[in-house]
PDB file of all heavy atoms in Angstrom:
ATOM      1  N   LEU A   1       0.057 -20.800   6.441  1.00  0.00           N
ATOM      2  CA  LEU A   1      -0.624 -19.512   6.302  1.00  0.00           C
ATOM      3  C   LEU A   1      -1.822 -19.408   7.242  1.00  0.00           C
ATOM      4  O   LEU A   1      -2.052 -18.382   7.876  1.00  0.00           O
ATOM      5  CB  LEU A   1      -1.077 -19.313   4.851  1.00  0.00           C
ATOM      6  CG  LEU A   1       0.017 -19.084   3.831  1.00  0.00           C
ATOM      7  CD1 LEU A   1      -0.552 -19.135   2.419  1.00  0.00           C
ATOM      8  CD2 LEU A   1       0.729 -17.767   4.077  1.00  0.00           C
ATOM      9  N   VAL A   2      -2.598 -20.489   7.326  1.00  0.00           N
ATOM     10  CA  VAL A   2      -3.773 -20.503   8.194  1.00  0.00           C
ATOM     11  C   VAL A   2      -3.363 -20.391   9.663  1.00  0.00           C
ATOM     12  O   VAL A   2      -3.962 -19.640  10.435  1.00  0.00           O
ATOM     13  CB  VAL A   2      -4.616 -21.767   7.925  1.00  0.00           C
ATOM     14  CG1 VAL A   2      -5.618 -22.010   9.019  1.00  0.00           C
ATOM     15  CG2 VAL A   2      -5.299 -21.648   6.572  1.00  0.00           C
ATOM     16  N   LEU A   3      -2.317 -21.117  10.063  1.00  0.00           N
ATOM     17  CA  LEU A   3      -1.852 -21.033  11.455  1.00  0.00           C
ATOM     18  C   LEU A   3      -1.313 -19.642  11.782  1.00  0.00           C
ATOM     19  O   LEU A   3      -1.567 -19.101  12.866  1.00  0.00           O
ATOM     20  CB  LEU A   3      -0.779 -22.077  11.730  1.00  0.00           C
ATOM     21  CG  LEU A   3      -1.261 -23.520  11.832  1.00  0.00           C
ATOM     22  CD1 LEU A   3      -0.081 -24.454  12.071  1.00  0.00           C
ATOM     23  CD2 LEU A   3      -2.308 -23.690  12.922  1.00  0.00           C
ATOM     24  N   ALA A   4      -0.579 -19.041  10.844  1.00  0.00           N
ATOM     25  CA  ALA A   4      -0.049 -17.693  11.069  1.00  0.00           C
ATOM     26  C   ALA A   4      -1.193 -16.683  11.195  1.00  0.00           C
ATOM     27  O   ALA A   4      -1.159 -15.803  12.064  1.00  0.00           O
ATOM     28  CB  ALA A   4       0.891 -17.290   9.931  1.00  0.00           C
ATOM     29  N   ALA A   5      -2.207 -16.818  10.352  1.00  0.00           N
ATOM     30  CA  ALA A   5      -3.361 -15.924  10.443  1.00  0.00           C
ATOM     31  C   ALA A   5      -4.108 -16.129  11.754  1.00  0.00           C
ATOM     32  O   ALA A   5      -4.514 -15.169  12.418  1.00  0.00           O
ATOM     33  CB  ALA A   5      -4.296 -16.172   9.257  1.00  0.00           C
ATOM     34  N   TRP A   6      -4.279 -17.384  12.140  1.00  0.00           N
ATOM     35  CA  TRP A   6      -4.975 -17.704  13.394  1.00  0.00           C
ATOM     36  C   TRP A   6      -4.236 -17.083  14.583  1.00  0.00           C
ATOM     37  O   TRP A   6      -4.853 -16.544  15.490  1.00  0.00           O
ATOM     38  CB  TRP A   6      -5.063 -19.215  13.555  1.00  0.00           C
ATOM     39  CG  TRP A   6      -5.905 -19.648  14.717  1.00  0.00           C
ATOM     40  CD1 TRP A   6      -5.474 -19.937  15.974  1.00  0.00           C
ATOM     41  CD2 TRP A   6      -7.323 -19.820  14.740  1.00  0.00           C
ATOM     42  NE1 TRP A   6      -6.527 -20.293  16.768  1.00  0.00           N
ATOM     43  CE2 TRP A   6      -7.674 -20.226  16.044  1.00  0.00           C
ATOM     44  CE3 TRP A   6      -8.315 -19.677  13.784  1.00  0.00           C
ATOM     45  CZ2 TRP A   6      -8.989 -20.479  16.405  1.00  0.00           C
ATOM     46  CZ3 TRP A   6      -9.626 -19.936  14.152  1.00  0.00           C
ATOM     47  CH2 TRP A   6      -9.945 -20.332  15.454  1.00  0.00           C
ATOM     48  N   ASP A   7      -2.902 -17.144  14.552  1.00  0.00           N
ATOM     49  CA  ASP A   7      -2.086 -16.559  15.615  1.00  0.00           C
ATOM     50  C   ASP A   7      -2.298 -15.058  15.720  1.00  0.00           C
ATOM     51  O   ASP A   7      -2.125 -14.473  16.784  1.00  0.00           O
ATOM     52  CB  ASP A   7      -0.604 -16.877  15.364  1.00  0.00           C
ATOM     53  CG  ASP A   7       0.276 -16.496  16.538  1.00  0.00           C
ATOM     54  OD1 ASP A   7      -0.039 -16.913  17.680  1.00  0.00           O
ATOM     55  OD2 ASP A   7       1.264 -15.767  16.316  1.00  0.00           O
ATOM     56  N   ARG A   8      -2.694 -14.431  14.615  1.00  0.00           N
ATOM     57  CA  ARG A   8      -2.948 -12.989  14.599  1.00  0.00           C
ATOM     58  C   ARG A   8      -4.443 -12.691  14.728  1.00  0.00           C
ATOM     59  O   ARG A   8      -4.905 -11.619  14.383  1.00  0.00           O
ATOM     60  CB  ARG A   8      -2.370 -12.389  13.332  1.00  0.00           C
ATOM     61  CG  ARG A   8      -0.849 -12.338  13.406  1.00  0.00           C
ATOM     62  CD  ARG A   8      -0.210 -12.196  12.053  1.00  0.00           C
ATOM     63  NE  ARG A   8       1.232 -12.188  12.144  1.00  0.00           N
ATOM     64  CZ  ARG A   8       2.008 -13.256  12.327  1.00  0.00           C
ATOM     65  NH1 ARG A   8       1.451 -14.442  12.468  1.00  0.00           N
ATOM     66  NH2 ARG A   8       3.307 -13.154  12.373  1.00  0.00           N
ATOM     67  N   ARG A   9      -5.188 -13.684  15.164  1.00  0.00           N
ATOM     68  CA  ARG A   9      -6.623 -13.598  15.435  1.00  0.00           C
ATOM     69  C   ARG A   9      -7.496 -13.451  14.192  1.00  0.00           C
ATOM     70  O   ARG A   9      -8.668 -13.104  14.282  1.00  0.00           O
ATOM     71  CB  ARG A   9      -6.922 -12.504  16.442  1.00  0.00           C
ATOM     72  CG  ARG A   9      -6.379 -12.804  17.821  1.00  0.00           C
ATOM     73  CD  ARG A   9      -6.802 -11.758  18.817  1.00  0.00           C
ATOM     74  NE  ARG A   9      -6.624 -12.082  20.198  1.00  0.00           N
ATOM     75  CZ  ARG A   9      -5.502 -12.434  20.806  1.00  0.00           C
ATOM     76  NH1 ARG A   9      -4.412 -12.580  20.133  1.00  0.00           N
ATOM     77  NH2 ARG A   9      -5.469 -12.659  22.103  1.00  0.00           N
ATOM     78  N   ALA A  10      -6.932 -13.694  13.024  1.00  0.00           N
ATOM     79  CA  ALA A  10      -7.743 -13.728  11.801  1.00  0.00           C
ATOM     80  C   ALA A  10      -8.388 -15.109  11.703  1.00  0.00           C
ATOM     81  O   ALA A  10      -7.888 -16.076  12.255  1.00  0.00           O
ATOM     82  CB  ALA A  10      -6.879 -13.461  10.572  1.00  0.00           C
ATOM     83  N   ARG A  11      -9.481 -15.197  11.017  1.00  0.00           N
ATOM     84  CA  ARG A  11     -10.171 -16.463  10.830  1.00  0.00           C
ATOM     85  C   ARG A  11     -10.252 -16.756   9.340  1.00  0.00           C
ATOM     86  O   ARG A  11     -10.173 -15.864   8.510  1.00  0.00           O
ATOM     87  CB  ARG A  11     -11.572 -16.411  11.440  1.00  0.00           C
ATOM     88  CG  ARG A  11     -11.532 -16.179  12.959  1.00  0.00           C
ATOM     89  CD  ARG A  11     -10.751 -17.285  13.657  1.00  0.00           C
ATOM     90  NE  ARG A  11     -10.634 -17.043  15.079  1.00  0.00           N
ATOM     91  CZ  ARG A  11      -9.502 -16.704  15.686  1.00  0.00           C
ATOM     92  NH1 ARG A  11      -8.398 -16.520  14.999  1.00  0.00           N
ATOM     93  NH2 ARG A  11      -9.467 -16.529  16.987  1.00  0.00           N
ATOM     94  N   GLN A  12     -10.459 -18.015   8.995  1.00  0.00           N
ATOM     95  CA  GLN A  12     -10.426 -18.397   7.598  1.00  0.00           C
ATOM     96  C   GLN A  12     -11.332 -19.586   7.336  1.00  0.00           C
ATOM     97  O   GLN A  12     -11.728 -20.292   8.244  1.00  0.00           O
ATOM     98  CB  GLN A  12      -9.010 -18.714   7.154  1.00  0.00           C
ATOM     99  CG  GLN A  12      -8.304 -19.784   7.942  1.00  0.00           C
ATOM    100  CD  GLN A  12      -7.803 -19.288   9.283  1.00  0.00           C
ATOM    101  OE1 GLN A  12      -7.296 -18.194   9.376  1.00  0.00           O
ATOM    102  NE2 GLN A  12      -7.975 -20.076  10.318  1.00  0.00           N
ATOM    103  N   CYS A  13     -11.608 -19.753   6.047  1.00  0.00           N
ATOM    104  CA  CYS A  13     -12.420 -20.879   5.620  1.00  0.00           C
ATOM    105  C   CYS A  13     -11.837 -21.385   4.310  1.00  0.00           C
ATOM    106  O   CYS A  13     -11.735 -20.637   3.336  1.00  0.00           O
ATOM    107  CB  CYS A  13     -13.866 -20.439   5.422  1.00  0.00           C
ATOM    108  SG  CYS A  13     -14.944 -21.783   4.900  1.00  0.00           S
ATOM    109  N   HIS A  14     -11.416 -22.647   4.284  1.00  0.00           N
ATOM    110  CA  HIS A  14     -10.919 -23.249   3.045  1.00  0.00           C
ATOM    111  C   HIS A  14     -12.108 -23.423   2.109  1.00  0.00           C
ATOM    112  O   HIS A  14     -13.194 -23.769   2.540  1.00  0.00           O
ATOM    113  CB  HIS A  14     -10.270 -24.609   3.331  1.00  0.00           C
ATOM    114  CG  HIS A  14      -9.107 -24.487   4.242  1.00  0.00           C
ATOM    115  ND1 HIS A  14      -7.829 -24.312   3.768  1.00  0.00           N
ATOM    116  CD2 HIS A  14      -9.016 -24.456   5.580  1.00  0.00           C
ATOM    117  CE1 HIS A  14      -7.006 -24.206   4.789  1.00  0.00           C
ATOM    118  NE2 HIS A  14      -7.712 -24.290   5.898  1.00  0.00           N
ATOM    119  N   ASN A  15     -11.855 -23.197   0.836  1.00  0.00           N
ATOM    120  CA  ASN A  15     -12.968 -23.105  -0.066  1.00  0.00           C
ATOM    121  C   ASN A  15     -12.641 -23.740  -1.407  1.00  0.00           C
ATOM    122  O   ASN A  15     -11.746 -23.285  -2.108  1.00  0.00           O
ATOM    123  CB  ASN A  15     -13.298 -21.615  -0.233  1.00  0.00           C
ATOM    124  CG  ASN A  15     -14.566 -21.382  -0.954  1.00  0.00           C
ATOM    125  OD1 ASN A  15     -15.073 -22.247  -1.628  1.00  0.00           O
ATOM    126  ND2 ASN A  15     -15.083 -20.184  -0.832  1.00  0.00           N
ATOM    127  N   GLY A  16     -13.365 -24.770  -1.774  1.00  0.00           N
ATOM    128  CA  GLY A  16     -13.110 -25.469  -3.025  1.00  0.00           C
ATOM    129  C   GLY A  16     -13.809 -24.886  -4.242  1.00  0.00           C
ATOM    130  O   GLY A  16     -13.596 -25.335  -5.353  1.00  0.00           O
ATOM    131  N   GLN A  17     -14.639 -23.859  -4.055  1.00  0.00           N
ATOM    132  CA  GLN A  17     -15.344 -23.299  -5.197  1.00  0.00           C
ATOM    133  C   GLN A  17     -14.390 -22.693  -6.227  1.00  0.00           C
ATOM    134  O   GLN A  17     -14.722 -22.605  -7.401  1.00  0.00           O
ATOM    135  CB  GLN A  17     -16.364 -22.240  -4.764  1.00  0.00           C
ATOM    136  CG  GLN A  17     -17.689 -22.839  -4.363  1.00  0.00           C
ATOM    137  CD  GLN A  17     -17.738 -23.171  -2.893  1.00  0.00           C
ATOM    138  OE1 GLN A  17     -16.729 -23.344  -2.240  1.00  0.00           O
ATOM    139  NE2 GLN A  17     -18.935 -23.270  -2.353  1.00  0.00           N
ATOM    140  N   GLY A  18     -13.200 -22.293  -5.809  1.00  0.00           N
ATOM    141  CA  GLY A  18     -12.214 -21.774  -6.756  1.00  0.00           C
ATOM    142  C   GLY A  18     -11.778 -22.815  -7.758  1.00  0.00           C
ATOM    143  O   GLY A  18     -11.333 -22.489  -8.862  1.00  0.00           O
ATOM    144  N   ILE A  19     -11.910 -24.073  -7.380  1.00  0.00           N
ATOM    145  CA  ILE A  19     -11.553 -25.155  -8.295  1.00  0.00           C
ATOM    146  C   ILE A  19     -12.709 -25.421  -9.259  1.00  0.00           C
ATOM    147  O   ILE A  19     -12.504 -25.591 -10.455  1.00  0.00           O
ATOM    148  CB  ILE A  19     -11.215 -26.438  -7.505  1.00  0.00           C
ATOM    149  CG1 ILE A  19      -9.989 -26.200  -6.624  1.00  0.00           C
ATOM    150  CG2 ILE A  19     -10.971 -27.608  -8.442  1.00  0.00           C
ATOM    151  CD1 ILE A  19      -9.756 -27.300  -5.609  1.00  0.00           C
ATOM    152  N   THR A  20     -13.919 -25.397  -8.755  1.00  0.00           N
ATOM    153  CA  THR A  20     -15.068 -25.729  -9.614  1.00  0.00           C
ATOM    154  C   THR A  20     -15.358 -24.639 -10.635  1.00  0.00           C
ATOM    155  O   THR A  20     -15.880 -24.930 -11.705  1.00  0.00           O
ATOM    156  CB  THR A  20     -16.334 -25.989  -8.785  1.00  0.00           C
ATOM    157  OG1 THR A  20     -16.657 -24.814  -8.042  1.00  0.00           O
ATOM    158  CG2 THR A  20     -16.148 -27.166  -7.859  1.00  0.00           C
ATOM    159  N   ARG A  21     -15.027 -23.406 -10.327  1.00  0.00           N
ATOM    160  CA  ARG A  21     -15.220 -22.309 -11.280  1.00  0.00           C
ATOM    161  C   ARG A  21     -13.899 -21.576 -11.500  1.00  0.00           C
ATOM    162  O   ARG A  21     -13.806 -20.367 -11.374  1.00  0.00           O
ATOM    163  CB  ARG A  21     -16.291 -21.334 -10.782  1.00  0.00           C
ATOM    164  CG  ARG A  21     -17.696 -21.881 -10.815  1.00  0.00           C
ATOM    165  CD  ARG A  21     -18.131 -22.469 -12.162  1.00  0.00           C
ATOM    166  NE  ARG A  21     -17.826 -21.662 -13.323  1.00  0.00           N
ATOM    167  CZ  ARG A  21     -18.704 -20.944 -14.001  1.00  0.00           C
ATOM    168  NH1 ARG A  21     -19.953 -20.949 -13.632  1.00  0.00           N
ATOM    169  NH2 ARG A  21     -18.340 -20.244 -15.053  1.00  0.00           N
ATOM    170  N   SER A  22     -12.878 -22.353 -11.848  1.00  0.00           N
ATOM    171  CA  SER A  22     -11.545 -21.777 -12.019  1.00  0.00           C
ATOM    172  C   SER A  22     -11.521 -20.742 -13.142  1.00  0.00           C
ATOM    173  O   SER A  22     -10.704 -19.823 -13.112  1.00  0.00           O
ATOM    174  CB  SER A  22     -10.518 -22.868 -12.271  1.00  0.00           C
ATOM    175  OG  SER A  22     -10.838 -23.580 -13.438  1.00  0.00           O
ATOM    176  N   ASP A  23     -12.425 -20.836 -14.116  1.00  0.00           N
ATOM    177  CA  ASP A  23     -12.453 -19.852 -15.196  1.00  0.00           C
ATOM    178  C   ASP A  23     -12.724 -18.446 -14.656  1.00  0.00           C
ATOM    179  O   ASP A  23     -12.074 -17.474 -15.054  1.00  0.00           O
ATOM    180  CB  ASP A  23     -13.483 -20.246 -16.263  1.00  0.00           C
ATOM    181  CG  ASP A  23     -14.888 -20.440 -15.702  1.00  0.00           C
ATOM    182  OD1 ASP A  23     -15.039 -20.848 -14.529  1.00  0.00           O
ATOM    183  OD2 ASP A  23     -15.852 -20.189 -16.450  1.00  0.00           O
ATOM    184  N   ILE A  24     -13.653 -18.349 -13.723  1.00  0.00           N
ATOM    185  CA  ILE A  24     -13.983 -17.044 -13.141  1.00  0.00           C
ATOM    186  C   ILE A  24     -12.853 -16.569 -12.232  1.00  0.00           C
ATOM    187  O   ILE A  24     -12.440 -15.406 -12.291  1.00  0.00           O
ATOM    188  CB  ILE A  24     -15.318 -17.127 -12.357  1.00  0.00           C
ATOM    189  CG1 ILE A  24     -16.453 -17.412 -13.329  1.00  0.00           C
ATOM    190  CG2 ILE A  24     -15.573 -15.838 -11.585  1.00  0.00           C
ATOM    191  CD1 ILE A  24     -17.775 -17.720 -12.661  1.00  0.00           C
ATOM    192  N   VAL A  25     -12.318 -17.470 -11.408  1.00  0.00           N
ATOM    193  CA  VAL A  25     -11.220 -17.110 -10.511  1.00  0.00           C
ATOM    194  C   VAL A  25     -10.018 -16.639 -11.333  1.00  0.00           C
ATOM    195  O   VAL A  25      -9.388 -15.627 -11.017  1.00  0.00           O
ATOM    196  CB  VAL A  25     -10.846 -18.283  -9.591  1.00  0.00           C
ATOM    197  CG1 VAL A  25      -9.620 -17.960  -8.757  1.00  0.00           C
ATOM    198  CG2 VAL A  25     -12.019 -18.643  -8.697  1.00  0.00           C
ATOM    199  N   ARG A  26      -9.694 -17.343 -12.398  1.00  0.00           N
ATOM    200  CA  ARG A  26      -8.575 -16.949 -13.263  1.00  0.00           C
ATOM    201  C   ARG A  26      -8.759 -15.548 -13.808  1.00  0.00           C
ATOM    202  O   ARG A  26      -7.844 -14.729 -13.816  1.00  0.00           O
ATOM    203  CB  ARG A  26      -8.449 -17.909 -14.445  1.00  0.00           C
ATOM    204  CG  ARG A  26      -7.759 -19.160 -14.151  1.00  0.00           C
ATOM    205  CD  ARG A  26      -7.660 -20.029 -15.399  1.00  0.00           C
ATOM    206  NE  ARG A  26      -7.385 -21.386 -15.007  1.00  0.00           N
ATOM    207  CZ  ARG A  26      -6.223 -21.777 -14.507  1.00  0.00           C
ATOM    208  NH1 ARG A  26      -5.243 -20.926 -14.363  1.00  0.00           N
ATOM    209  NH2 ARG A  26      -6.050 -23.029 -14.140  1.00  0.00           N
ATOM    210  N   GLU A  27      -9.963 -15.277 -14.298  1.00  0.00           N
ATOM    211  CA  GLU A  27     -10.232 -13.965 -14.900  1.00  0.00           C
ATOM    212  C   GLU A  27     -10.120 -12.846 -13.868  1.00  0.00           C
ATOM    213  O   GLU A  27      -9.437 -11.852 -14.099  1.00  0.00           O
ATOM    214  CB  GLU A  27     -11.634 -13.968 -15.529  1.00  0.00           C
ATOM    215  CG  GLU A  27     -11.976 -12.663 -16.199  1.00  0.00           C
ATOM    216  CD  GLU A  27     -13.371 -12.664 -16.788  1.00  0.00           C
ATOM    217  OE1 GLU A  27     -13.934 -13.754 -17.035  1.00  0.00           O
ATOM    218  OE2 GLU A  27     -13.906 -11.565 -16.995  1.00  0.00           O
ATOM    219  N   VAL A  28     -10.768 -13.023 -12.732  1.00  0.00           N
ATOM    220  CA  VAL A  28     -10.780 -11.978 -11.699  1.00  0.00           C
ATOM    221  C   VAL A  28      -9.396 -11.761 -11.101  1.00  0.00           C
ATOM    222  O   VAL A  28      -8.966 -10.634 -10.882  1.00  0.00           O
ATOM    223  CB  VAL A  28     -11.818 -12.314 -10.606  1.00  0.00           C
ATOM    224  CG1 VAL A  28     -11.719 -11.363  -9.427  1.00  0.00           C
ATOM    225  CG2 VAL A  28     -13.222 -12.294 -11.186  1.00  0.00           C
ATOM    226  N   ALA A  29      -8.674 -12.856 -10.832  1.00  0.00           N
ATOM    227  CA  ALA A  29      -7.372 -12.748 -10.168  1.00  0.00           C
ATOM    228  C   ALA A  29      -6.198 -12.645 -11.146  1.00  0.00           C
ATOM    229  O   ALA A  29      -5.059 -12.483 -10.729  1.00  0.00           O
ATOM    230  CB  ALA A  29      -7.158 -13.954  -9.246  1.00  0.00           C
ATOM    231  N   GLY A  30      -6.466 -12.769 -12.446  1.00  0.00           N
ATOM    232  CA  GLY A  30      -5.391 -12.677 -13.432  1.00  0.00           C
ATOM    233  C   GLY A  30      -4.416 -13.842 -13.365  1.00  0.00           C
ATOM    234  O   GLY A  30      -3.208 -13.658 -13.508  1.00  0.00           O
ATOM    235  N   ILE A  31      -4.932 -15.037 -13.145  1.00  0.00           N
ATOM    236  CA  ILE A  31      -4.086 -16.229 -13.038  1.00  0.00           C
ATOM    237  C   ILE A  31      -3.934 -16.847 -14.429  1.00  0.00           C
ATOM    238  O   ILE A  31      -4.922 -17.163 -15.085  1.00  0.00           O
ATOM    239  CB  ILE A  31      -4.700 -17.256 -12.061  1.00  0.00           C
ATOM    240  CG1 ILE A  31      -4.797 -16.634 -10.666  1.00  0.00           C
ATOM    241  CG2 ILE A  31      -3.896 -18.541 -12.026  1.00  0.00           C
ATOM    242  CD1 ILE A  31      -5.592 -17.448  -9.683  1.00  0.00           C
TER     243      ILE A  31
END
């Protein structure tokens, strides 16, 4: 996914905060 986005000139940052506050991520994203 990151390589495909990079090929389309999008940029990205991997982010571990979704793991440390998975309760908030779950609620917001409906996981």
